[in-house]
Amino acid sequence: MSLHGTYDPQNIFALIIRGEAPCYKLYEDDEVLAFLDLFPQAPGHTLVIPKRVQARNILDVDAESLGKLMAVVQRLTRVLVDELQPDGVQVAQFNGAPAGQTVFHLHMHIVPRYAGQGLGIHAAHKADPAELAQLQARLIQRLQG
């Protein structure tokens, strides 16, 4: 897909927003949804998406919605760092297929990083559902605390 195009309301993130596909939800409000990546590059890999804006990438979103999205990204990054104690954290966002975007609904990646461990290839391995559920519970508890 190119950088420009028509939003596909059947993309996986749109399905998740509508409740037509499951996710390991960490956070949700009227504007933003965050959940664990099923194919993480590292434990705790989290995706944060806008719910009401049908934006394919950062070029399609209004500044107010982007600001709300980034506020949640920052909050969840703090929670992930507090809970998982990584040596670093990567926050990434891709625009267009040549840049690495595979789902054409604006989304941010939060990826905990550890010294001496390379970054896994995205979508190379599906995470264990039991491990995702345990991590989800821990992170939700920390968010509520």
N, C-alpha and C. Protein backbone atom coordinates (compact mmCIF):
# COMPACT_ATOMS: atom_id res chain seq x y z
N MET A 1 0.83 -1.19 0.00
CA MET A 1 0.00 0.00 0.00
C MET A 1 0.87 1.24 0.00
N SER A 2 0.36 2.26 -0.63
CA SER A 2 1.08 3.51 -0.70
C SER A 2 0.83 4.33 0.56
N LEU A 3 1.50 5.45 0.63
CA LEU A 3 1.35 6.35 1.77
C LEU A 3 -0.04 6.97 1.81
N HIS A 4 -0.64 7.13 0.66
CA HIS A 4 -1.97 7.74 0.55
C HIS A 4 -2.96 6.71 0.05
N GLY A 5 -4.19 6.83 0.49
CA GLY A 5 -5.21 5.89 0.04
C GLY A 5 -6.47 6.02 0.85
N THR A 6 -7.38 5.12 0.61
CA THR A 6 -8.67 5.10 1.29
C THR A 6 -8.58 4.21 2.53
N TYR A 7 -9.17 4.67 3.60
CA TYR A 7 -9.20 3.90 4.84
C TYR A 7 -10.07 2.65 4.64
N ASP A 8 -9.56 1.50 5.08
CA ASP A 8 -10.29 0.23 4.99
C ASP A 8 -10.94 -0.06 6.34
N PRO A 9 -12.26 0.04 6.45
CA PRO A 9 -12.93 -0.20 7.73
C PRO A 9 -12.92 -1.67 8.16
N GLN A 10 -12.34 -2.55 7.35
CA GLN A 10 -12.23 -3.96 7.71
C GLN A 10 -10.82 -4.33 8.17
N ASN A 11 -9.95 -3.35 8.38
CA ASN A 11 -8.61 -3.68 8.89
C ASN A 11 -8.74 -4.23 10.31
N ILE A 12 -7.75 -4.97 10.74
CA ILE A 12 -7.83 -5.69 12.03
C ILE A 12 -8.06 -4.75 13.20
N PHE A 13 -7.48 -3.56 13.18
CA PHE A 13 -7.67 -2.64 14.30
C PHE A 13 -9.10 -2.09 14.32
N ALA A 14 -9.68 -1.84 13.17
CA ALA A 14 -11.08 -1.42 13.12
C ALA A 14 -11.99 -2.53 13.66
N LEU A 15 -11.66 -3.78 13.33
CA LEU A 15 -12.43 -4.91 13.86
C LEU A 15 -12.31 -4.99 15.38
N ILE A 16 -11.11 -4.76 15.90
CA ILE A 16 -10.90 -4.78 17.36
C ILE A 16 -11.70 -3.67 18.01
N ILE A 17 -11.67 -2.47 17.46
CA ILE A 17 -12.42 -1.34 18.01
C ILE A 17 -13.91 -1.68 18.08
N ARG A 18 -14.43 -2.32 17.05
CA ARG A 18 -15.87 -2.67 17.01
C ARG A 18 -16.20 -3.91 17.83
N GLY A 19 -15.20 -4.55 18.41
CA GLY A 19 -15.45 -5.75 19.20
C GLY A 19 -15.63 -6.99 18.35
N GLU A 20 -15.25 -6.93 17.08
CA GLU A 20 -15.39 -8.06 16.17
C GLU A 20 -14.15 -8.94 16.12
N ALA A 21 -13.10 -8.52 16.79
CA ALA A 21 -11.87 -9.31 16.93
C ALA A 21 -11.37 -9.11 18.36
N PRO A 22 -10.83 -10.15 18.97
CA PRO A 22 -10.39 -10.04 20.37
C PRO A 22 -9.04 -9.33 20.49
N CYS A 23 -8.77 -8.87 21.71
CA CYS A 23 -7.47 -8.31 22.03
C CYS A 23 -7.23 -8.43 23.53
N TYR A 24 -5.98 -8.26 23.92
CA TYR A 24 -5.60 -8.22 25.34
C TYR A 24 -5.54 -6.75 25.73
N LYS A 25 -6.71 -6.21 26.02
CA LYS A 25 -6.88 -4.77 26.27
C LYS A 25 -6.18 -4.35 27.56
N LEU A 26 -5.46 -3.23 27.46
CA LEU A 26 -4.82 -2.63 28.62
C LEU A 26 -5.50 -1.34 29.05
N TYR A 27 -5.98 -0.60 28.07
CA TYR A 27 -6.54 0.73 28.35
C TYR A 27 -7.57 1.05 27.28
N GLU A 28 -8.65 1.73 27.71
CA GLU A 28 -9.63 2.22 26.75
C GLU A 28 -10.35 3.42 27.33
N ASP A 29 -10.53 4.45 26.50
CA ASP A 29 -11.41 5.56 26.82
C ASP A 29 -12.21 5.86 25.55
N ASP A 30 -12.88 6.98 25.48
CA ASP A 30 -13.70 7.29 24.31
C ASP A 30 -12.89 7.47 23.03
N GLU A 31 -11.62 7.85 23.18
CA GLU A 31 -10.80 8.21 22.02
C GLU A 31 -9.71 7.21 21.66
N VAL A 32 -9.22 6.45 22.65
CA VAL A 32 -8.00 5.65 22.47
C VAL A 32 -8.19 4.24 23.03
N LEU A 33 -7.57 3.28 22.37
CA LEU A 33 -7.55 1.89 22.82
C LEU A 33 -6.10 1.40 22.78
N ALA A 34 -5.69 0.69 23.81
CA ALA A 34 -4.34 0.12 23.86
C ALA A 34 -4.44 -1.35 24.23
N PHE A 35 -3.59 -2.17 23.59
CA PHE A 35 -3.63 -3.61 23.83
C PHE A 35 -2.26 -4.21 23.53
N LEU A 36 -2.05 -5.41 24.08
CA LEU A 36 -0.79 -6.12 23.84
C LEU A 36 -0.75 -6.67 22.42
N ASP A 37 0.41 -6.59 21.81
CA ASP A 37 0.62 -7.13 20.46
C ASP A 37 0.65 -8.66 20.55
N LEU A 38 -0.10 -9.33 19.69
CA LEU A 38 -0.13 -10.80 19.68
C LEU A 38 1.17 -11.39 19.13
N PHE A 39 1.90 -10.59 18.38
CA PHE A 39 3.16 -11.02 17.77
C PHE A 39 4.26 -10.07 18.22
N PRO A 40 4.58 -10.06 19.50
CA PRO A 40 5.46 -9.03 20.05
C PRO A 40 6.92 -9.16 19.62
N GLN A 41 7.56 -8.01 19.53
CA GLN A 41 8.99 -7.97 19.29
C GLN A 41 9.75 -8.16 20.60
N ALA A 42 9.08 -7.94 21.71
CA ALA A 42 9.62 -8.14 23.05
C ALA A 42 8.43 -8.26 24.00
N PRO A 43 8.61 -8.91 25.14
CA PRO A 43 7.51 -8.98 26.11
C PRO A 43 7.03 -7.57 26.50
N GLY A 44 5.72 -7.38 26.47
CA GLY A 44 5.14 -6.09 26.80
C GLY A 44 4.88 -5.20 25.60
N HIS A 45 5.23 -5.65 24.40
CA HIS A 45 5.00 -4.86 23.19
C HIS A 45 3.51 -4.48 23.14
N THR A 46 3.26 -3.20 23.15
CA THR A 46 1.90 -2.66 23.24
C THR A 46 1.59 -1.81 22.03
N LEU A 47 0.35 -1.88 21.57
CA LEU A 47 -0.14 -1.06 20.46
C LEU A 47 -1.17 -0.08 21.00
N VAL A 48 -1.10 1.16 20.54
CA VAL A 48 -2.03 2.21 20.96
C VAL A 48 -2.64 2.82 19.70
N ILE A 49 -3.98 2.83 19.65
CA ILE A 49 -4.67 3.27 18.44
C ILE A 49 -5.77 4.29 18.76
N PRO A 50 -6.05 5.19 17.81
CA PRO A 50 -7.23 6.05 17.98
C PRO A 50 -8.48 5.25 17.63
N LYS A 51 -9.57 5.52 18.32
CA LYS A 51 -10.81 4.78 18.10
C LYS A 51 -11.77 5.49 17.14
N ARG A 52 -11.86 6.80 17.24
CA ARG A 52 -12.88 7.53 16.48
C ARG A 52 -12.38 8.08 15.15
N VAL A 53 -11.08 8.15 15.00
CA VAL A 53 -10.49 8.74 13.80
C VAL A 53 -10.11 7.63 12.84
N GLN A 54 -10.62 7.69 11.64
CA GLN A 54 -10.27 6.70 10.63
C GLN A 54 -9.04 7.20 9.87
N ALA A 55 -7.92 7.20 10.56
CA ALA A 55 -6.65 7.67 10.00
C ALA A 55 -5.80 6.47 9.63
N ARG A 56 -5.32 6.44 8.41
CA ARG A 56 -4.43 5.37 7.96
C ARG A 56 -3.03 5.55 8.54
N ASN A 57 -2.63 6.82 8.73
CA ASN A 57 -1.29 7.10 9.24
C ASN A 57 -1.26 8.49 9.85
N ILE A 58 -0.09 8.95 10.23
CA ILE A 58 0.03 10.23 10.93
C ILE A 58 -0.38 11.42 10.06
N LEU A 59 -0.38 11.26 8.75
CA LEU A 59 -0.77 12.33 7.85
C LEU A 59 -2.28 12.55 7.82
N ASP A 60 -3.04 11.56 8.28
CA ASP A 60 -4.50 11.60 8.20
C ASP A 60 -5.19 12.03 9.50
N VAL A 61 -4.44 12.24 10.55
CA VAL A 61 -5.04 12.49 11.86
C VAL A 61 -4.97 13.98 12.22
N ASP A 62 -5.99 14.47 12.91
CA ASP A 62 -5.96 15.85 13.37
C ASP A 62 -5.09 15.97 14.62
N ALA A 63 -4.58 17.15 14.88
CA ALA A 63 -3.62 17.37 15.96
C ALA A 63 -4.22 17.05 17.34
N GLU A 64 -5.49 17.36 17.55
CA GLU A 64 -6.11 17.09 18.85
C GLU A 64 -6.18 15.59 19.13
N SER A 65 -6.59 14.81 18.15
CA SER A 65 -6.66 13.35 18.32
C SER A 65 -5.27 12.76 18.51
N LEU A 66 -4.30 13.27 17.77
CA LEU A 66 -2.92 12.80 17.92
C LEU A 66 -2.40 13.11 19.32
N GLY A 67 -2.73 14.28 19.84
CA GLY A 67 -2.32 14.64 21.20
C GLY A 67 -2.90 13.70 22.25
N LYS A 68 -4.17 13.34 22.08
CA LYS A 68 -4.80 12.40 23.02
C LYS A 68 -4.14 11.03 22.93
N LEU A 69 -3.84 10.60 21.71
CA LEU A 69 -3.16 9.32 21.51
C LEU A 69 -1.80 9.33 22.19
N MET A 70 -1.04 10.39 22.00
CA MET A 70 0.31 10.46 22.56
C MET A 70 0.29 10.55 24.09
N ALA A 71 -0.72 11.17 24.66
CA ALA A 71 -0.83 11.22 26.12
C ALA A 71 -1.00 9.80 26.69
N VAL A 72 -1.78 8.97 26.01
CA VAL A 72 -1.95 7.58 26.44
C VAL A 72 -0.66 6.80 26.22
N VAL A 73 0.02 7.04 25.10
CA VAL A 73 1.30 6.38 24.84
C VAL A 73 2.27 6.68 25.98
N GLN A 74 2.35 7.93 26.39
CA GLN A 74 3.27 8.30 27.47
C GLN A 74 2.87 7.61 28.78
N ARG A 75 1.60 7.61 29.11
CA ARG A 75 1.13 6.97 30.35
C ARG A 75 1.45 5.47 30.33
N LEU A 76 1.16 4.79 29.24
CA LEU A 76 1.42 3.36 29.15
C LEU A 76 2.92 3.06 29.13
N THR A 77 3.70 3.92 28.52
CA THR A 77 5.15 3.73 28.53
C THR A 77 5.65 3.75 29.97
N ARG A 78 5.17 4.68 30.76
CA ARG A 78 5.58 4.74 32.18
C ARG A 78 5.18 3.47 32.92
N VAL A 79 3.97 2.99 32.67
CA VAL A 79 3.49 1.77 33.34
C VAL A 79 4.34 0.56 32.92
N LEU A 80 4.63 0.44 31.63
CA LEU A 80 5.45 -0.67 31.15
C LEU A 80 6.85 -0.62 31.76
N VAL A 81 7.44 0.57 31.83
CA VAL A 81 8.78 0.71 32.41
C VAL A 81 8.75 0.36 33.89
N ASP A 82 7.74 0.84 34.61
CA ASP A 82 7.64 0.53 36.04
C ASP A 82 7.46 -0.97 36.28
N GLU A 83 6.64 -1.62 35.48
CA GLU A 83 6.33 -3.04 35.70
C GLU A 83 7.43 -3.96 35.19
N LEU A 84 7.99 -3.68 34.02
CA LEU A 84 8.92 -4.62 33.38
C LEU A 84 10.39 -4.26 33.57
N GLN A 85 10.66 -3.05 34.01
CA GLN A 85 12.03 -2.60 34.29
C GLN A 85 12.99 -2.82 33.11
N PRO A 86 12.61 -2.41 31.90
CA PRO A 86 13.52 -2.57 30.77
C PRO A 86 14.68 -1.57 30.88
N ASP A 87 15.73 -1.83 30.11
CA ASP A 87 16.86 -0.90 30.06
C ASP A 87 16.56 0.29 29.16
N GLY A 88 15.60 0.13 28.28
CA GLY A 88 15.17 1.18 27.37
C GLY A 88 13.78 0.88 26.88
N VAL A 89 13.21 1.81 26.16
CA VAL A 89 11.89 1.59 25.58
C VAL A 89 11.85 2.29 24.23
N GLN A 90 11.31 1.58 23.26
CA GLN A 90 11.19 2.11 21.91
C GLN A 90 9.74 2.48 21.66
N VAL A 91 9.50 3.70 21.20
CA VAL A 91 8.18 4.13 20.78
C VAL A 91 8.29 4.40 19.29
N ALA A 92 7.47 3.71 18.49
CA ALA A 92 7.61 3.79 17.04
C ALA A 92 6.25 3.90 16.37
N GLN A 93 6.27 4.49 15.19
CA GLN A 93 5.07 4.64 14.37
C GLN A 93 5.53 4.67 12.92
N PHE A 94 4.89 3.88 12.07
CA PHE A 94 5.30 3.73 10.67
C PHE A 94 4.21 4.25 9.73
N ASN A 95 4.63 4.84 8.62
CA ASN A 95 3.70 5.45 7.67
C ASN A 95 3.97 4.93 6.27
N GLY A 96 3.08 4.07 5.78
CA GLY A 96 3.23 3.50 4.45
C GLY A 96 4.02 2.21 4.47
N ALA A 97 3.72 1.34 3.52
CA ALA A 97 4.37 0.03 3.45
C ALA A 97 5.88 0.12 3.35
N PRO A 98 6.46 1.02 2.55
CA PRO A 98 7.91 1.08 2.48
C PRO A 98 8.58 1.45 3.81
N ALA A 99 7.81 2.05 4.72
CA ALA A 99 8.34 2.41 6.04
C ALA A 99 8.10 1.31 7.06
N GLY A 100 7.44 0.23 6.65
CA GLY A 100 7.21 -0.89 7.54
C GLY A 100 5.79 -1.02 8.07
N GLN A 101 4.88 -0.15 7.65
CA GLN A 101 3.50 -0.23 8.11
C GLN A 101 2.82 -1.43 7.47
N THR A 102 2.15 -2.24 8.29
CA THR A 102 1.44 -3.41 7.77
C THR A 102 -0.07 -3.34 8.03
N VAL A 103 -0.48 -2.60 9.05
CA VAL A 103 -1.91 -2.37 9.30
C VAL A 103 -2.15 -0.88 9.06
N PHE A 104 -3.08 -0.58 8.15
CA PHE A 104 -3.27 0.80 7.74
C PHE A 104 -4.36 1.50 8.53
N HIS A 105 -4.13 1.50 9.85
CA HIS A 105 -4.88 2.27 10.83
C HIS A 105 -3.79 2.84 11.73
N LEU A 106 -3.76 4.15 11.91
CA LEU A 106 -2.72 4.78 12.71
C LEU A 106 -2.52 4.03 14.02
N HIS A 107 -1.28 3.70 14.34
CA HIS A 107 -0.99 3.04 15.62
C HIS A 107 0.44 3.31 16.04
N MET A 108 0.62 3.31 17.35
CA MET A 108 1.92 3.50 17.97
C MET A 108 2.34 2.19 18.61
N HIS A 109 3.62 1.87 18.49
CA HIS A 109 4.21 0.70 19.14
C HIS A 109 4.99 1.18 20.36
N ILE A 110 4.80 0.50 21.48
CA ILE A 110 5.65 0.71 22.66
C ILE A 110 6.34 -0.63 22.90
N VAL A 111 7.67 -0.65 22.78
CA VAL A 111 8.42 -1.90 22.86
C VAL A 111 9.50 -1.79 23.93
N PRO A 112 9.35 -2.49 25.06
CA PRO A 112 10.42 -2.53 26.06
C PRO A 112 11.67 -3.16 25.45
N ARG A 113 12.83 -2.59 25.78
CA ARG A 113 14.09 -3.09 25.24
C ARG A 113 15.05 -3.41 26.39
N TYR A 114 15.82 -4.47 26.21
CA TYR A 114 16.75 -4.92 27.24
C TYR A 114 18.17 -5.00 26.66
N ALA A 115 19.14 -4.55 27.43
CA ALA A 115 20.54 -4.57 27.00
C ALA A 115 20.94 -5.99 26.65
N GLY A 116 21.62 -6.13 25.53
CA GLY A 116 22.11 -7.45 25.12
C GLY A 116 21.10 -8.31 24.39
N GLN A 117 19.86 -7.84 24.28
CA GLN A 117 18.84 -8.61 23.57
C GLN A 117 18.45 -7.86 22.31
N GLY A 118 18.57 -8.54 21.19
CA GLY A 118 18.17 -7.94 19.93
C GLY A 118 16.67 -7.83 19.84
N LEU A 119 16.22 -6.97 18.98
CA LEU A 119 14.79 -6.80 18.76
C LEU A 119 14.28 -7.93 17.88
N GLY A 120 13.27 -8.64 18.33
CA GLY A 120 12.70 -9.72 17.54
C GLY A 120 12.03 -9.19 16.29
N ILE A 121 11.87 -10.04 15.32
CA ILE A 121 11.19 -9.67 14.09
C ILE A 121 9.69 -9.67 14.35
N HIS A 122 9.05 -8.56 14.01
CA HIS A 122 7.62 -8.44 14.26
C HIS A 122 6.86 -9.50 13.47
N ALA A 123 5.90 -10.11 14.10
CA ALA A 123 5.03 -11.13 13.53
C ALA A 123 5.75 -12.45 13.25
N ALA A 124 6.96 -12.61 13.78
CA ALA A 124 7.69 -13.86 13.57
C ALA A 124 7.15 -14.98 14.46
N HIS A 125 6.77 -14.63 15.69
CA HIS A 125 6.28 -15.63 16.64
C HIS A 125 5.07 -15.08 17.39
N LYS A 126 4.05 -15.89 17.49
CA LYS A 126 2.87 -15.51 18.25
C LYS A 126 3.15 -15.75 19.74
N ALA A 127 2.76 -14.79 20.56
CA ALA A 127 2.97 -14.91 22.00
C ALA A 127 2.06 -15.97 22.59
N ASP A 128 2.48 -16.54 23.70
CA ASP A 128 1.69 -17.52 24.43
C ASP A 128 0.48 -16.81 25.06
N PRO A 129 -0.74 -17.27 24.78
CA PRO A 129 -1.93 -16.60 25.32
C PRO A 129 -1.93 -16.51 26.85
N ALA A 130 -1.47 -17.54 27.53
CA ALA A 130 -1.44 -17.50 29.00
C ALA A 130 -0.48 -16.42 29.49
N GLU A 131 0.66 -16.27 28.83
CA GLU A 131 1.62 -15.23 29.22
C GLU A 131 1.04 -13.84 28.95
N LEU A 132 0.35 -13.69 27.82
CA LEU A 132 -0.27 -12.40 27.53
C LEU A 132 -1.34 -12.06 28.58
N ALA A 133 -2.14 -13.03 28.96
CA ALA A 133 -3.19 -12.80 29.95
C ALA A 133 -2.60 -12.42 31.30
N GLN A 134 -1.51 -13.09 31.69
CA GLN A 134 -0.85 -12.76 32.97
C GLN A 134 -0.28 -11.35 32.94
N LEU A 135 0.38 -11.01 31.84
CA LEU A 135 0.95 -9.67 31.71
C LEU A 135 -0.15 -8.62 31.66
N GLN A 136 -1.21 -8.91 30.94
CA GLN A 136 -2.35 -7.99 30.88
C GLN A 136 -2.86 -7.69 32.29
N ALA A 137 -3.05 -8.71 33.11
CA ALA A 137 -3.56 -8.52 34.47
C ALA A 137 -2.60 -7.66 35.30
N ARG A 138 -1.32 -7.91 35.20
CA ARG A 138 -0.32 -7.14 35.94
C ARG A 138 -0.33 -5.67 35.51
N LEU A 139 -0.41 -5.43 34.21
CA LEU A 139 -0.37 -4.06 33.72
C LEU A 139 -1.65 -3.30 34.05
N ILE A 140 -2.79 -3.97 33.95
CA ILE A 140 -4.06 -3.33 34.32
C ILE A 140 -4.05 -2.97 35.80
N GLN A 141 -3.55 -3.87 36.63
CA GLN A 141 -3.47 -3.59 38.06
C GLN A 141 -2.60 -2.36 38.32
N ARG A 142 -1.48 -2.27 37.63
CA ARG A 142 -0.58 -1.12 37.81
C ARG A 142 -1.24 0.16 37.29
N LEU A 143 -1.98 0.07 36.18
CA LEU A 143 -2.68 1.24 35.65
C LEU A 143 -3.73 1.76 36.63
N GLN A 144 -4.37 0.85 37.33
CA GLN A 144 -5.44 1.22 38.26
C GLN A 144 -4.91 1.65 39.62
N GLY A 145 -3.63 1.32 39.89
CA GLY A 145 -3.05 1.60 41.20
C GLY A 145 -2.61 3.00 41.44
